[in-house]
Amino acid sequence: TVLTRYDRNMSVQVEAWCAATSSAPGTALLDALDLQDDIMRALESDRTLSNNVRDIEIEASAYDGQELDRPSLGLAVLTLTVLYTETAGD
């Protein structure tokens, strides 16, 4: 019997920077959280990625750029584990 379907997973890290909307303390972190939420909503709206993927697991963190020597910037980091099935050997 020839096996033609294989379950696979792939990890992808997405780093997204955004400019803070004001100079008030904590604004960069809040803006990074907003960006993170936008990215997660976009992925969750079609997590099959046009029927190529079964599911996506997301681990997310947000940072104030001041902590990373990037004042007035926010950083959103998302690690995606993409679960998909590959068809081969047809």
C-alpha atoms as a PDB file:
ATOM      1  CA  THR A   1       0.000   0.000   0.000  1.00  0.00           C
ATOM      2  CA  VAL A   2       1.366   3.358  -1.019  1.00  0.00           C
ATOM      3  CA  LEU A   3       0.931   6.105   1.552  1.00  0.00           C
ATOM      4  CA  THR A   4      -0.141   9.350  -0.059  1.00  0.00           C
ATOM      5  CA  ARG A   5      -1.153  11.602   2.835  1.00  0.00           C
ATOM      6  CA  TYR A   6       1.253  12.896   5.452  1.00  0.00           C
ATOM      7  CA  ASP A   7       0.446  15.085   8.457  1.00  0.00           C
ATOM      8  CA  ARG A   8       3.005  17.837   8.855  1.00  0.00           C
ATOM      9  CA  ASN A   9       3.612  20.860  11.029  1.00  0.00           C
ATOM     10  CA  MET A  10       5.712  23.932  10.471  1.00  0.00           C
ATOM     11  CA  SER A  11       6.699  26.739  12.836  1.00  0.00           C
ATOM     12  CA  VAL A  12       6.781  30.341  11.648  1.00  0.00           C
ATOM     13  CA  GLN A  13       7.734  33.409  13.660  1.00  0.00           C
ATOM     14  CA  VAL A  14       6.159  36.735  12.743  1.00  0.00           C
ATOM     15  CA  GLU A  15       7.682  39.949  14.112  1.00  0.00           C
ATOM     16  CA  ALA A  16       5.757  43.169  13.556  1.00  0.00           C
ATOM     17  CA  TRP A  17       6.838  46.649  14.662  1.00  0.00           C
ATOM     18  CA  CYS A  18       4.497  49.611  15.019  1.00  0.00           C
ATOM     19  CA  ALA A  19       4.917  53.279  15.864  1.00  0.00           C
ATOM     20  CA  ALA A  20       3.398  54.468  19.138  1.00  0.00           C
ATOM     21  CA  THR A  21       0.417  56.764  18.688  1.00  0.00           C
ATOM     22  CA  SER A  22       1.558  59.043  21.541  1.00  0.00           C
ATOM     23  CA  SER A  23       4.487  59.520  23.899  1.00  0.00           C
ATOM     24  CA  ALA A  24       2.493  58.541  26.996  1.00  0.00           C
ATOM     25  CA  PRO A  25       4.016  55.634  28.975  1.00  0.00           C
ATOM     26  CA  GLY A  26       2.645  52.256  27.943  1.00  0.00           C
ATOM     27  CA  THR A  27       1.192  53.473  24.634  1.00  0.00           C
ATOM     28  CA  ALA A  28       3.734  51.565  22.535  1.00  0.00           C
ATOM     29  CA  LEU A  29       2.816  48.337  24.335  1.00  0.00           C
ATOM     30  CA  LEU A  30      -0.912  48.943  23.827  1.00  0.00           C
ATOM     31  CA  ASP A  31      -0.333  49.692  20.144  1.00  0.00           C
ATOM     32  CA  ALA A  32       1.712  46.465  19.818  1.00  0.00           C
ATOM     33  CA  LEU A  33      -1.156  44.554  21.436  1.00  0.00           C
ATOM     34  CA  ASP A  34      -3.590  46.116  18.935  1.00  0.00           C
ATOM     35  CA  LEU A  35      -1.324  45.072  16.058  1.00  0.00           C
ATOM     36  CA  GLN A  36      -1.038  41.574  17.505  1.00  0.00           C
ATOM     37  CA  ASP A  37      -4.832  41.362  17.741  1.00  0.00           C
ATOM     38  CA  ASP A  38      -5.213  42.487  14.105  1.00  0.00           C
ATOM     39  CA  ILE A  39      -2.768  39.811  12.915  1.00  0.00           C
ATOM     40  CA  MET A  40      -4.486  37.108  14.962  1.00  0.00           C
ATOM     41  CA  ARG A  41      -7.931  38.111  13.670  1.00  0.00           C
ATOM     42  CA  ALA A  42      -6.666  37.987  10.060  1.00  0.00           C
ATOM     43  CA  LEU A  43      -5.238  34.494  10.592  1.00  0.00           C
ATOM     44  CA  GLU A  44      -8.307  33.262  12.429  1.00  0.00           C
ATOM     45  CA  SER A  45     -10.688  34.557   9.756  1.00  0.00           C
ATOM     46  CA  ASP A  46      -9.403  31.810   7.410  1.00  0.00           C
ATOM     47  CA  ARG A  47      -7.034  29.524   9.277  1.00  0.00           C
ATOM     48  CA  THR A  48      -7.192  27.001   6.428  1.00  0.00           C
ATOM     49  CA  LEU A  49      -5.206  29.448   4.257  1.00  0.00           C
ATOM     50  CA  SER A  50      -7.267  28.574   1.175  1.00  0.00           C
ATOM     51  CA  ASN A  51      -7.794  24.897   2.141  1.00  0.00           C
ATOM     52  CA  ASN A  52      -4.093  24.063   2.462  1.00  0.00           C
ATOM     53  CA  VAL A  53      -3.964  24.051   6.282  1.00  0.00           C
ATOM     54  CA  ARG A  54      -5.955  22.146   8.928  1.00  0.00           C
ATOM     55  CA  ASP A  55      -5.281  24.521  11.793  1.00  0.00           C
ATOM     56  CA  ILE A  56      -2.921  27.119  13.247  1.00  0.00           C
ATOM     57  CA  GLU A  57      -1.780  27.396  16.854  1.00  0.00           C
ATOM     58  CA  ILE A  58      -0.665  30.888  17.879  1.00  0.00           C
ATOM     59  CA  GLU A  59       1.608  31.939  20.739  1.00  0.00           C
ATOM     60  CA  ALA A  60       1.879  35.720  20.986  1.00  0.00           C
ATOM     61  CA  SER A  61       3.827  38.305  22.979  1.00  0.00           C
ATOM     62  CA  ALA A  62       3.954  42.086  22.845  1.00  0.00           C
ATOM     63  CA  TYR A  63       6.750  44.407  23.972  1.00  0.00           C
ATOM     64  CA  ASP A  64       7.318  48.094  24.573  1.00  0.00           C
ATOM     65  CA  GLY A  65      10.156  49.190  22.299  1.00  0.00           C
ATOM     66  CA  GLN A  66      11.664  51.231  25.131  1.00  0.00           C
ATOM     67  CA  GLU A  67      12.725  47.938  26.746  1.00  0.00           C
ATOM     68  CA  LEU A  68      14.475  46.964  23.497  1.00  0.00           C
ATOM     69  CA  ASP A  69      16.253  50.310  22.930  1.00  0.00           C
ATOM     70  CA  ARG A  70      13.663  51.253  20.302  1.00  0.00           C
ATOM     71  CA  PRO A  71      11.765  54.107  21.966  1.00  0.00           C
ATOM     72  CA  SER A  72       8.375  55.084  20.514  1.00  0.00           C
ATOM     73  CA  LEU A  73       7.972  51.650  18.882  1.00  0.00           C
ATOM     74  CA  GLY A  74       5.980  48.585  19.874  1.00  0.00           C
ATOM     75  CA  LEU A  75       6.755  44.983  18.935  1.00  0.00           C
ATOM     76  CA  ALA A  76       4.355  42.067  18.439  1.00  0.00           C
ATOM     77  CA  VAL A  77       5.888  38.586  18.131  1.00  0.00           C
ATOM     78  CA  LEU A  78       3.717  35.654  17.070  1.00  0.00           C
ATOM     79  CA  THR A  79       4.924  32.075  16.805  1.00  0.00           C
ATOM     80  CA  LEU A  80       2.642  30.051  14.560  1.00  0.00           C
ATOM     81  CA  THR A  81       2.523  26.280  14.454  1.00  0.00           C
ATOM     82  CA  VAL A  82       0.885  25.438  11.140  1.00  0.00           C
ATOM     83  CA  LEU A  83      -0.725  21.977  10.948  1.00  0.00           C
ATOM     84  CA  TYR A  84      -1.299  20.694   7.428  1.00  0.00           C
ATOM     85  CA  THR A  85      -1.685  17.520   5.394  1.00  0.00           C
ATOM     86  CA  GLU A  86       0.514  16.922   2.389  1.00  0.00           C
ATOM     87  CA  THR A  87      -0.476  14.653  -0.482  1.00  0.00           C
ATOM     88  CA  ALA A  88       2.405  12.941  -2.283  1.00  0.00           C
ATOM     89  CA  GLY A  89       3.045   9.915  -4.448  1.00  0.00           C
ATOM     90  CA  ASP A  90      -0.059  10.169  -6.648  1.00  0.00           C
END
